[in-house]
Amino acid sequence: MDGWGADQAGGSSGGRGGTGLESLDFRVNHPPVAHAGPDRTVDQGSQVSFDASDSRDVEAPLFAYEWLFHDGSTVTGLTAERDYPEDGDYPVTLTVIDTAGSTASHTITVTVTNVAPTVLTATDVTGVEGSAVQFVATFTDPGVLDTHSALIDWGDGATSVGMVSGSSLRPQISFPSRDGRLSSRSNECRC
């Protein structure tokens, strides 16, 4: 050999027969942990707030947060809010990204329960016995896609089916004329 040798790192010893070592440190990235919070149960018409502050990464602060909702819409950020006007079960997925580009996701379910409509106004019903009377009421319901029917209990054992009309925000119930056999007990409208 002429005095030139290869070192263990695959390079040249520069003709002096010595060896050189090179080292390379590898750092394995730990994936982040996404935490969207617990499953929720709320009444229809509610707004729900979401918070990802329990999400974490051991190497560095998280780089990004994205919330994916049932209809495909997304919100970026540590927190998000969403209105739920209809009853049903709705998935919400939080995806977090760390500074190395690793991702983690956590999906929760928002269960939205149906809320009964509320009668807002009802006309006072007065009349002369034997004469026809008409009853009109308005109600509200946070379920914008709900359908409604109405029944009035006239207080004397008789009932009438009402006709629901108007906008979903302020619908109106009209009941057919009644032939004057009203009792003095209070009447109840069930929607």
N, C-alpha and C. Protein backbone atom coordinates (compact mmCIF):
# COMPACT_ATOMS: atom_id res chain seq x y z
N MET A 1 0.84 -1.16 0.00
CA MET A 1 0.00 0.00 0.00
C MET A 1 0.89 1.23 0.00
N ASP A 2 0.45 2.25 -0.60
CA ASP A 2 1.28 3.45 -0.78
C ASP A 2 1.06 4.52 0.27
N GLY A 3 0.47 4.22 1.37
CA GLY A 3 0.25 5.20 2.41
C GLY A 3 -1.10 5.87 2.35
N TRP A 4 -1.82 5.61 1.32
CA TRP A 4 -3.17 6.13 1.24
C TRP A 4 -4.14 5.06 1.73
N GLY A 5 -5.01 5.38 2.62
CA GLY A 5 -5.98 4.40 3.11
C GLY A 5 -7.36 5.03 3.24
N ALA A 6 -8.34 4.21 3.25
CA ALA A 6 -9.72 4.69 3.40
C ALA A 6 -10.10 4.64 4.86
N ASP A 7 -10.75 5.70 5.33
CA ASP A 7 -11.20 5.66 6.71
C ASP A 7 -12.54 4.95 6.83
N GLN A 8 -12.97 4.76 7.99
CA GLN A 8 -14.20 4.00 8.20
C GLN A 8 -15.44 4.74 7.73
N ALA A 9 -15.32 6.02 7.54
CA ALA A 9 -16.50 6.75 7.06
C ALA A 9 -16.52 6.78 5.56
N GLY A 10 -15.62 6.09 4.92
CA GLY A 10 -15.64 6.00 3.47
C GLY A 10 -14.85 7.09 2.81
N GLY A 11 -14.12 7.90 3.53
CA GLY A 11 -13.37 8.99 2.93
C GLY A 11 -11.88 8.63 2.88
N SER A 12 -11.09 9.56 2.59
CA SER A 12 -9.65 9.35 2.49
C SER A 12 -8.99 9.86 3.75
N SER A 13 -7.90 9.20 4.13
CA SER A 13 -7.16 9.64 5.31
C SER A 13 -6.12 10.68 4.95
N GLY A 14 -6.14 11.08 3.71
CA GLY A 14 -5.21 12.12 3.28
C GLY A 14 -3.78 11.62 3.18
N GLY A 15 -3.61 10.34 3.00
CA GLY A 15 -2.29 9.79 2.78
C GLY A 15 -1.51 9.54 4.04
N ARG A 16 -2.05 9.74 5.16
CA ARG A 16 -1.28 9.55 6.37
C ARG A 16 -1.63 8.26 7.11
N GLY A 17 -2.53 7.48 6.61
CA GLY A 17 -2.84 6.21 7.22
C GLY A 17 -3.77 6.30 8.40
N GLY A 18 -4.25 7.49 8.78
CA GLY A 18 -5.16 7.64 9.91
C GLY A 18 -6.59 7.35 9.52
N THR A 19 -7.42 7.28 10.50
CA THR A 19 -8.85 7.07 10.23
C THR A 19 -9.64 8.23 10.82
N GLY A 20 -10.78 8.51 10.26
CA GLY A 20 -11.66 9.55 10.76
C GLY A 20 -13.06 8.99 10.92
N LEU A 21 -13.77 9.49 11.87
CA LEU A 21 -15.14 9.06 12.09
C LEU A 21 -16.06 10.27 11.99
N GLU A 22 -17.15 10.04 11.37
CA GLU A 22 -18.19 11.05 11.33
C GLU A 22 -19.42 10.47 11.98
N SER A 23 -20.13 11.30 12.70
CA SER A 23 -21.36 10.80 13.31
C SER A 23 -22.53 11.65 12.85
N LEU A 24 -23.63 11.03 12.86
CA LEU A 24 -24.86 11.69 12.44
C LEU A 24 -25.92 11.41 13.51
N ASP A 25 -26.49 12.46 14.04
CA ASP A 25 -27.53 12.28 15.05
C ASP A 25 -28.89 12.31 14.37
N PHE A 26 -29.73 11.36 14.73
CA PHE A 26 -31.09 11.30 14.23
C PHE A 26 -32.03 11.60 15.38
N ARG A 27 -32.99 12.42 15.10
CA ARG A 27 -34.01 12.71 16.10
C ARG A 27 -35.34 12.21 15.56
N VAL A 28 -35.92 11.30 16.26
CA VAL A 28 -37.19 10.73 15.83
C VAL A 28 -38.31 11.65 16.32
N ASN A 29 -39.15 12.06 15.39
CA ASN A 29 -40.27 12.94 15.73
C ASN A 29 -41.36 12.12 16.39
N HIS A 30 -41.85 12.60 17.50
CA HIS A 30 -43.01 11.99 18.14
C HIS A 30 -44.24 12.67 17.56
N PRO A 31 -45.24 11.89 17.18
CA PRO A 31 -46.44 12.51 16.62
C PRO A 31 -47.18 13.34 17.67
N PRO A 32 -47.92 14.34 17.23
CA PRO A 32 -48.70 15.14 18.18
C PRO A 32 -49.91 14.34 18.68
N VAL A 33 -50.58 14.89 19.66
CA VAL A 33 -51.80 14.29 20.19
C VAL A 33 -52.92 15.32 20.02
N ALA A 34 -53.98 14.93 19.33
CA ALA A 34 -55.14 15.81 19.13
C ALA A 34 -56.19 15.48 20.18
N HIS A 35 -56.78 16.52 20.76
CA HIS A 35 -57.86 16.32 21.72
C HIS A 35 -58.93 17.38 21.47
N ALA A 36 -60.07 16.95 20.92
CA ALA A 36 -61.17 17.86 20.58
C ALA A 36 -62.14 18.07 21.73
N GLY A 37 -61.88 17.42 22.86
CA GLY A 37 -62.79 17.53 24.00
C GLY A 37 -63.73 16.33 24.02
N PRO A 38 -64.68 16.33 24.94
CA PRO A 38 -65.61 15.21 25.06
C PRO A 38 -66.74 15.30 24.03
N ASP A 39 -67.45 14.18 23.84
CA ASP A 39 -68.68 14.21 23.06
C ASP A 39 -69.63 15.19 23.76
N ARG A 40 -70.54 15.78 22.99
CA ARG A 40 -71.47 16.77 23.54
C ARG A 40 -72.91 16.37 23.25
N THR A 41 -73.81 16.77 24.13
CA THR A 41 -75.25 16.65 23.90
C THR A 41 -75.85 18.03 24.18
N VAL A 42 -76.54 18.59 23.17
CA VAL A 42 -77.11 19.93 23.28
C VAL A 42 -78.51 19.94 22.69
N ASP A 43 -79.29 20.97 23.03
CA ASP A 43 -80.61 21.18 22.43
C ASP A 43 -80.45 21.78 21.05
N GLN A 44 -81.38 21.46 20.16
CA GLN A 44 -81.35 22.06 18.83
C GLN A 44 -81.47 23.57 18.97
N GLY A 45 -80.79 24.28 18.08
CA GLY A 45 -80.75 25.73 18.14
C GLY A 45 -79.57 26.25 18.96
N SER A 46 -78.77 25.34 19.53
CA SER A 46 -77.63 25.75 20.37
C SER A 46 -76.39 26.03 19.54
N GLN A 47 -75.53 26.88 20.09
CA GLN A 47 -74.20 27.09 19.53
C GLN A 47 -73.22 26.35 20.42
N VAL A 48 -72.31 25.58 19.80
CA VAL A 48 -71.34 24.80 20.55
C VAL A 48 -69.95 25.38 20.31
N SER A 49 -69.18 25.54 21.39
CA SER A 49 -67.79 26.00 21.30
C SER A 49 -66.86 24.81 21.44
N PHE A 50 -65.82 24.80 20.63
CA PHE A 50 -64.83 23.73 20.64
C PHE A 50 -63.47 24.33 20.99
N ASP A 51 -62.67 23.58 21.74
CA ASP A 51 -61.38 24.08 22.20
C ASP A 51 -60.36 22.94 22.15
N ALA A 52 -59.25 23.17 21.45
CA ALA A 52 -58.21 22.15 21.28
C ALA A 52 -57.04 22.35 22.22
N SER A 53 -57.21 23.12 23.31
CA SER A 53 -56.06 23.41 24.17
C SER A 53 -55.47 22.20 24.87
N ASP A 54 -56.19 21.09 24.93
CA ASP A 54 -55.61 19.88 25.53
C ASP A 54 -54.81 19.07 24.51
N SER A 55 -54.73 19.52 23.28
CA SER A 55 -53.87 18.88 22.28
C SER A 55 -52.43 19.26 22.58
N ARG A 56 -51.48 18.41 22.18
CA ARG A 56 -50.09 18.71 22.54
C ARG A 56 -49.10 18.03 21.60
N ASP A 57 -47.85 18.48 21.71
CA ASP A 57 -46.72 17.87 21.02
C ASP A 57 -45.53 17.98 21.97
N VAL A 58 -44.75 16.91 22.12
CA VAL A 58 -43.68 16.92 23.12
C VAL A 58 -42.46 17.73 22.67
N GLU A 59 -42.26 17.91 21.35
CA GLU A 59 -41.07 18.62 20.88
C GLU A 59 -41.22 20.13 20.82
N ALA A 60 -42.38 20.59 20.45
CA ALA A 60 -42.55 22.03 20.22
C ALA A 60 -44.04 22.37 20.23
N PRO A 61 -44.37 23.65 20.27
CA PRO A 61 -45.80 24.01 20.16
C PRO A 61 -46.37 23.51 18.83
N LEU A 62 -47.65 23.21 18.84
CA LEU A 62 -48.30 22.75 17.61
C LEU A 62 -48.30 23.85 16.57
N PHE A 63 -48.21 23.43 15.32
CA PHE A 63 -48.12 24.37 14.21
C PHE A 63 -49.49 24.83 13.72
N ALA A 64 -50.45 23.89 13.64
CA ALA A 64 -51.76 24.25 13.08
C ALA A 64 -52.86 23.36 13.66
N TYR A 65 -54.09 23.91 13.66
CA TYR A 65 -55.29 23.22 14.12
C TYR A 65 -56.36 23.39 13.03
N GLU A 66 -57.07 22.31 12.73
CA GLU A 66 -58.17 22.41 11.76
C GLU A 66 -59.35 21.59 12.25
N TRP A 67 -60.51 22.21 12.26
CA TRP A 67 -61.77 21.58 12.66
C TRP A 67 -62.56 21.25 11.40
N LEU A 68 -62.99 20.00 11.24
CA LEU A 68 -63.80 19.57 10.10
C LEU A 68 -65.19 19.20 10.61
N PHE A 69 -66.22 19.82 10.01
CA PHE A 69 -67.60 19.58 10.43
C PHE A 69 -68.32 18.66 9.45
N HIS A 70 -69.49 18.16 9.86
CA HIS A 70 -70.25 17.16 9.11
C HIS A 70 -70.57 17.57 7.67
N ASP A 71 -70.69 18.85 7.41
CA ASP A 71 -71.04 19.31 6.06
C ASP A 71 -69.82 19.61 5.20
N GLY A 72 -68.62 19.28 5.69
CA GLY A 72 -67.39 19.50 4.91
C GLY A 72 -66.75 20.86 5.16
N SER A 73 -67.40 21.73 5.91
CA SER A 73 -66.80 23.04 6.19
C SER A 73 -65.70 22.88 7.23
N THR A 74 -64.72 23.79 7.18
CA THR A 74 -63.59 23.73 8.11
C THR A 74 -63.37 25.09 8.76
N VAL A 75 -62.76 25.05 9.94
CA VAL A 75 -62.34 26.24 10.67
C VAL A 75 -60.93 25.96 11.14
N THR A 76 -60.03 26.94 10.94
CA THR A 76 -58.67 26.78 11.45
C THR A 76 -58.50 27.60 12.72
N GLY A 77 -57.73 27.05 13.64
CA GLY A 77 -57.47 27.76 14.89
C GLY A 77 -57.67 26.88 16.09
N LEU A 78 -57.21 27.36 17.22
CA LEU A 78 -57.29 26.63 18.48
C LEU A 78 -58.73 26.39 18.91
N THR A 79 -59.62 27.32 18.59
CA THR A 79 -61.03 27.21 18.97
C THR A 79 -61.93 27.36 17.75
N ALA A 80 -63.15 26.89 17.89
CA ALA A 80 -64.15 27.03 16.83
C ALA A 80 -65.53 27.05 17.47
N GLU A 81 -66.51 27.59 16.73
CA GLU A 81 -67.91 27.59 17.18
C GLU A 81 -68.78 27.13 16.03
N ARG A 82 -69.91 26.51 16.37
CA ARG A 82 -70.81 26.00 15.34
C ARG A 82 -72.23 26.02 15.87
N ASP A 83 -73.18 26.45 15.04
CA ASP A 83 -74.60 26.42 15.38
C ASP A 83 -75.18 25.09 14.92
N TYR A 84 -76.09 24.55 15.71
CA TYR A 84 -76.76 23.29 15.39
C TYR A 84 -78.27 23.49 15.43
N PRO A 85 -78.89 23.89 14.29
CA PRO A 85 -80.32 24.18 14.28
C PRO A 85 -81.22 22.95 14.18
N GLU A 86 -80.67 21.79 13.86
CA GLU A 86 -81.48 20.59 13.67
C GLU A 86 -81.00 19.45 14.54
N ASP A 87 -81.94 18.61 15.00
CA ASP A 87 -81.56 17.47 15.81
C ASP A 87 -80.87 16.41 14.96
N GLY A 88 -80.01 15.62 15.59
CA GLY A 88 -79.25 14.56 14.93
C GLY A 88 -77.90 14.37 15.59
N ASP A 89 -77.11 13.47 15.04
CA ASP A 89 -75.75 13.22 15.51
C ASP A 89 -74.78 13.75 14.46
N TYR A 90 -73.84 14.59 14.90
CA TYR A 90 -72.92 15.27 13.99
C TYR A 90 -71.47 15.04 14.41
N PRO A 91 -70.64 14.45 13.51
CA PRO A 91 -69.23 14.28 13.84
C PRO A 91 -68.46 15.60 13.68
N VAL A 92 -67.47 15.79 14.54
CA VAL A 92 -66.56 16.93 14.46
C VAL A 92 -65.15 16.35 14.61
N THR A 93 -64.28 16.63 13.63
CA THR A 93 -62.92 16.09 13.67
C THR A 93 -61.92 17.22 13.79
N LEU A 94 -61.05 17.12 14.80
CA LEU A 94 -59.93 18.04 14.98
C LEU A 94 -58.68 17.36 14.44
N THR A 95 -57.94 18.06 13.58
CA THR A 95 -56.64 17.58 13.11
C THR A 95 -55.60 18.61 13.52
N VAL A 96 -54.52 18.14 14.16
CA VAL A 96 -53.42 19.02 14.56
C VAL A 96 -52.18 18.64 13.77
N ILE A 97 -51.33 19.63 13.50
CA ILE A 97 -50.08 19.42 12.75
C ILE A 97 -48.94 19.98 13.58
N ASP A 98 -47.86 19.17 13.72
CA ASP A 98 -46.71 19.67 14.46
C ASP A 98 -45.71 20.32 13.50
N THR A 99 -44.61 20.84 14.04
CA THR A 99 -43.64 21.58 13.22
C THR A 99 -42.88 20.67 12.25
N ALA A 100 -42.93 19.35 12.46
CA ALA A 100 -42.29 18.41 11.52
C ALA A 100 -43.26 17.96 10.43
N GLY A 101 -44.50 18.40 10.51
CA GLY A 101 -45.50 18.02 9.50
C GLY A 101 -46.30 16.78 9.86
N SER A 102 -46.06 16.20 11.03
CA SER A 102 -46.85 15.04 11.47
C SER A 102 -48.23 15.50 11.89
N THR A 103 -49.22 14.65 11.67
CA THR A 103 -50.60 15.00 12.01
C THR A 103 -51.21 13.97 12.95
N ALA A 104 -52.22 14.39 13.65
CA ALA A 104 -53.05 13.50 14.48
C ALA A 104 -54.46 14.05 14.46
N SER A 105 -55.45 13.17 14.55
CA SER A 105 -56.85 13.59 14.51
C SER A 105 -57.62 12.96 15.67
N HIS A 106 -58.68 13.66 16.07
CA HIS A 106 -59.58 13.17 17.11
C HIS A 106 -60.99 13.58 16.71
N THR A 107 -61.90 12.60 16.67
CA THR A 107 -63.29 12.86 16.27
C THR A 107 -64.20 12.69 17.48
N ILE A 108 -65.09 13.66 17.65
CA ILE A 108 -66.12 13.58 18.67
C ILE A 108 -67.49 13.66 17.99
N THR A 109 -68.54 13.38 18.74
CA THR A 109 -69.90 13.46 18.21
C THR A 109 -70.68 14.50 19.00
N VAL A 110 -71.37 15.37 18.27
CA VAL A 110 -72.31 16.32 18.89
C VAL A 110 -73.71 15.76 18.64
N THR A 111 -74.38 15.39 19.72
CA THR A 111 -75.75 14.89 19.64
C THR A 111 -76.68 16.06 19.94
N VAL A 112 -77.53 16.38 18.97
CA VAL A 112 -78.46 17.50 19.10
C VAL A 112 -79.86 16.93 19.29
N THR A 113 -80.48 17.29 20.41
CA THR A 113 -81.81 16.77 20.73
C THR A 113 -82.90 17.73 20.26
N ASN A 114 -84.03 17.17 19.90
CA ASN A 114 -85.17 17.96 19.45
C ASN A 114 -85.76 18.75 20.62
N VAL A 115 -86.17 19.96 20.34
CA VAL A 115 -86.81 20.83 21.34
C VAL A 115 -88.24 21.07 20.90
N ALA A 116 -89.16 20.93 21.81
CA ALA A 116 -90.58 21.16 21.50
C ALA A 116 -90.81 22.63 21.17
N PRO A 117 -91.73 22.93 20.27
CA PRO A 117 -92.06 24.33 19.98
C PRO A 117 -92.69 25.01 21.19
N THR A 118 -92.61 26.32 21.20
CA THR A 118 -93.16 27.12 22.28
C THR A 118 -94.23 28.05 21.72
N VAL A 119 -95.42 28.02 22.32
CA VAL A 119 -96.49 28.94 21.90
C VAL A 119 -96.13 30.32 22.44
N LEU A 120 -96.06 31.31 21.53
CA LEU A 120 -95.68 32.66 21.92
C LEU A 120 -96.89 33.52 22.26
N THR A 121 -97.86 33.50 21.37
CA THR A 121 -99.07 34.31 21.59
C THR A 121 -100.28 33.49 21.23
N ALA A 122 -101.34 33.75 21.92
CA ALA A 122 -102.62 33.11 21.61
C ALA A 122 -103.70 34.16 21.84
N THR A 123 -104.60 34.25 20.90
CA THR A 123 -105.68 35.22 21.07
C THR A 123 -106.64 34.75 22.15
N ASP A 124 -107.17 35.69 22.90
CA ASP A 124 -108.22 35.35 23.85
C ASP A 124 -109.46 35.00 23.05
N VAL A 125 -110.10 33.95 23.46
CA VAL A 125 -111.30 33.51 22.75
C VAL A 125 -112.51 33.88 23.60
N THR A 126 -113.35 34.75 23.04
CA THR A 126 -114.61 35.10 23.69
C THR A 126 -115.71 34.99 22.65
N GLY A 127 -116.85 34.79 23.09
CA GLY A 127 -117.96 34.69 22.15
C GLY A 127 -119.27 34.50 22.87
N VAL A 128 -120.32 34.53 22.09
CA VAL A 128 -121.66 34.34 22.60
C VAL A 128 -122.02 32.88 22.37
N GLU A 129 -122.60 32.26 23.38
CA GLU A 129 -122.96 30.86 23.26
C GLU A 129 -123.82 30.65 22.02
N GLY A 130 -123.43 29.64 21.27
CA GLY A 130 -124.13 29.34 20.03
C GLY A 130 -123.52 30.02 18.82
N SER A 131 -122.58 30.97 19.02
CA SER A 131 -121.93 31.66 17.90
C SER A 131 -120.57 31.03 17.63
N ALA A 132 -120.11 31.17 16.42
CA ALA A 132 -118.80 30.63 16.02
C ALA A 132 -117.69 31.53 16.55
N VAL A 133 -116.58 30.92 16.97
CA VAL A 133 -115.39 31.65 17.39
C VAL A 133 -114.18 31.06 16.66
N GLN A 134 -113.14 31.88 16.53
CA GLN A 134 -111.91 31.39 15.89
C GLN A 134 -110.74 31.67 16.82
N PHE A 135 -109.78 30.77 16.82
CA PHE A 135 -108.62 30.87 17.71
C PHE A 135 -107.35 30.91 16.85
N VAL A 136 -106.47 31.88 17.13
CA VAL A 136 -105.21 32.01 16.38
C VAL A 136 -104.06 32.10 17.38
N ALA A 137 -102.95 31.41 17.08
CA ALA A 137 -101.76 31.44 17.96
C ALA A 137 -100.50 31.48 17.10
N THR A 138 -99.42 31.97 17.68
CA THR A 138 -98.11 31.90 17.01
C THR A 138 -97.18 31.11 17.92
N PHE A 139 -96.19 30.47 17.31
CA PHE A 139 -95.22 29.69 18.08
C PHE A 139 -93.85 29.79 17.43
N THR A 140 -92.86 29.33 18.15
CA THR A 140 -91.50 29.30 17.62
C THR A 140 -90.91 27.92 17.86
N ASP A 141 -89.97 27.55 17.01
CA ASP A 141 -89.29 26.26 17.13
C ASP A 141 -87.87 26.44 16.60
N PRO A 142 -86.84 26.12 17.38
CA PRO A 142 -85.47 26.27 16.88
C PRO A 142 -85.13 25.29 15.75
N GLY A 143 -85.92 24.25 15.57
CA GLY A 143 -85.69 23.29 14.48
C GLY A 143 -86.24 23.85 13.19
N VAL A 144 -85.36 24.45 12.38
CA VAL A 144 -85.81 25.15 11.17
C VAL A 144 -86.36 24.21 10.10
N LEU A 145 -86.07 22.93 10.18
CA LEU A 145 -86.60 21.98 9.21
C LEU A 145 -87.72 21.11 9.78
N ASP A 146 -88.10 21.35 11.04
CA ASP A 146 -89.17 20.56 11.65
C ASP A 146 -90.50 20.85 10.96
N THR A 147 -91.37 19.86 10.96
CA THR A 147 -92.74 20.05 10.48
C THR A 147 -93.66 20.04 11.71
N HIS A 148 -94.81 20.69 11.59
CA HIS A 148 -95.66 20.88 12.75
C HIS A 148 -97.12 20.55 12.44
N SER A 149 -97.80 20.14 13.48
CA SER A 149 -99.26 20.02 13.44
C SER A 149 -99.75 20.61 14.75
N ALA A 150 -101.02 20.94 14.81
CA ALA A 150 -101.55 21.60 16.02
C ALA A 150 -102.91 21.03 16.37
N LEU A 151 -103.17 20.97 17.67
CA LEU A 151 -104.43 20.47 18.20
C LEU A 151 -104.82 21.37 19.36
N ILE A 152 -106.07 21.80 19.38
CA ILE A 152 -106.54 22.60 20.52
C ILE A 152 -107.55 21.78 21.32
N ASP A 153 -107.39 21.87 22.63
CA ASP A 153 -108.34 21.26 23.55
C ASP A 153 -109.24 22.40 24.02
N TRP A 154 -110.50 22.37 23.64
CA TRP A 154 -111.41 23.47 23.93
C TRP A 154 -111.83 23.52 25.39
N GLY A 155 -111.43 22.55 26.18
CA GLY A 155 -111.73 22.58 27.61
C GLY A 155 -113.01 21.88 27.99
N ASP A 156 -113.77 21.39 27.01
CA ASP A 156 -115.02 20.70 27.33
C ASP A 156 -115.01 19.26 26.80
N GLY A 157 -113.79 18.76 26.54
CA GLY A 157 -113.67 17.40 26.01
C GLY A 157 -113.57 17.37 24.49
N ALA A 158 -113.87 18.47 23.83
CA ALA A 158 -113.78 18.53 22.38
C ALA A 158 -112.40 19.07 21.97
N THR A 159 -111.91 18.61 20.83
CA THR A 159 -110.64 19.10 20.28
C THR A 159 -110.84 19.46 18.82
N SER A 160 -109.94 20.29 18.31
CA SER A 160 -109.94 20.66 16.88
C SER A 160 -108.51 20.62 16.38
N VAL A 161 -108.36 20.22 15.13
CA VAL A 161 -107.06 20.23 14.47
C VAL A 161 -106.86 21.60 13.85
N GLY A 162 -105.68 22.18 14.02
CA GLY A 162 -105.39 23.50 13.47
C GLY A 162 -104.59 23.41 12.19
N MET A 163 -104.55 24.52 11.47
CA MET A 163 -103.75 24.62 10.25
C MET A 163 -102.55 25.50 10.55
N VAL A 164 -101.34 24.97 10.29
CA VAL A 164 -100.11 25.72 10.56
C VAL A 164 -99.68 26.40 9.27
N SER A 165 -99.39 27.71 9.34
CA SER A 165 -98.96 28.46 8.15
C SER A 165 -97.96 29.52 8.57
N GLY A 166 -97.31 30.13 7.60
CA GLY A 166 -96.37 31.21 7.89
C GLY A 166 -94.93 30.74 7.82
N SER A 167 -94.03 31.64 8.14
CA SER A 167 -92.59 31.34 8.06
C SER A 167 -92.17 30.42 9.19
N SER A 168 -91.01 29.78 9.00
CA SER A 168 -90.52 28.87 10.03
C SER A 168 -90.09 29.62 11.29
N LEU A 169 -89.85 30.92 11.17
CA LEU A 169 -89.45 31.69 12.35
C LEU A 169 -90.64 32.15 13.18
N ARG A 170 -91.78 32.40 12.54
CA ARG A 170 -92.96 32.88 13.26
C ARG A 170 -94.22 32.27 12.64
N PRO A 171 -94.36 30.95 12.72
CA PRO A 171 -95.55 30.34 12.12
C PRO A 171 -96.80 30.67 12.92
N GLN A 172 -97.94 30.48 12.28
CA GLN A 172 -99.22 30.80 12.90
C GLN A 172 -100.10 29.57 12.82
N ILE A 173 -100.91 29.39 13.84
CA ILE A 173 -101.87 28.29 13.86
C ILE A 173 -103.27 28.90 13.82
N SER A 174 -104.09 28.41 12.90
CA SER A 174 -105.49 28.84 12.85
C SER A 174 -106.35 27.61 13.08
N PHE A 175 -107.37 27.78 13.91
CA PHE A 175 -108.29 26.69 14.18
C PHE A 175 -109.63 27.03 13.57
N PRO A 176 -110.36 26.04 13.12
CA PRO A 176 -111.66 26.31 12.51
C PRO A 176 -112.63 26.92 13.54
N SER A 177 -113.64 27.55 13.02
CA SER A 177 -114.65 28.14 13.89
C SER A 177 -115.29 27.06 14.75
N ARG A 178 -115.68 27.46 15.92
CA ARG A 178 -116.30 26.53 16.86
C ARG A 178 -117.69 27.05 17.17
N ASP A 179 -118.62 26.17 17.41
CA ASP A 179 -120.02 26.57 17.52
C ASP A 179 -120.45 27.10 18.89
N GLY A 180 -119.56 27.63 19.69
CA GLY A 180 -119.96 28.33 20.90
C GLY A 180 -120.13 27.48 22.13
N ARG A 181 -119.78 26.22 22.12
CA ARG A 181 -119.92 25.39 23.32
C ARG A 181 -118.63 25.47 24.15
N LEU A 182 -118.08 26.67 24.35
CA LEU A 182 -116.84 26.84 25.10
C LEU A 182 -117.13 26.74 26.59
N SER A 183 -116.20 26.09 27.29
CA SER A 183 -116.34 26.05 28.74
C SER A 183 -115.54 27.19 29.33
N SER A 184 -115.66 27.42 30.61
CA SER A 184 -114.92 28.50 31.24
C SER A 184 -113.49 28.07 31.58
N ARG A 185 -113.16 26.78 31.40
CA ARG A 185 -111.79 26.33 31.69
C ARG A 185 -110.84 26.88 30.63
N SER A 186 -109.54 26.99 31.02
CA SER A 186 -108.57 27.53 30.07
C SER A 186 -108.33 26.52 28.95
N ASN A 187 -108.07 27.05 27.78
CA ASN A 187 -107.82 26.21 26.61
C ASN A 187 -106.32 26.02 26.44
N GLU A 188 -105.94 24.90 25.89
CA GLU A 188 -104.54 24.58 25.72
C GLU A 188 -104.26 24.25 24.26
N CYS A 189 -103.22 24.86 23.73
CA CYS A 189 -102.82 24.58 22.36
C CYS A 189 -101.56 23.73 22.42
N ARG A 190 -101.61 22.55 21.83
CA ARG A 190 -100.44 21.67 21.79
C ARG A 190 -99.89 21.65 20.38
N CYS A 191 -98.64 22.04 20.21
CA CYS A 191 -98.04 22.07 18.89
C CYS A 191 -97.10 20.91 18.73
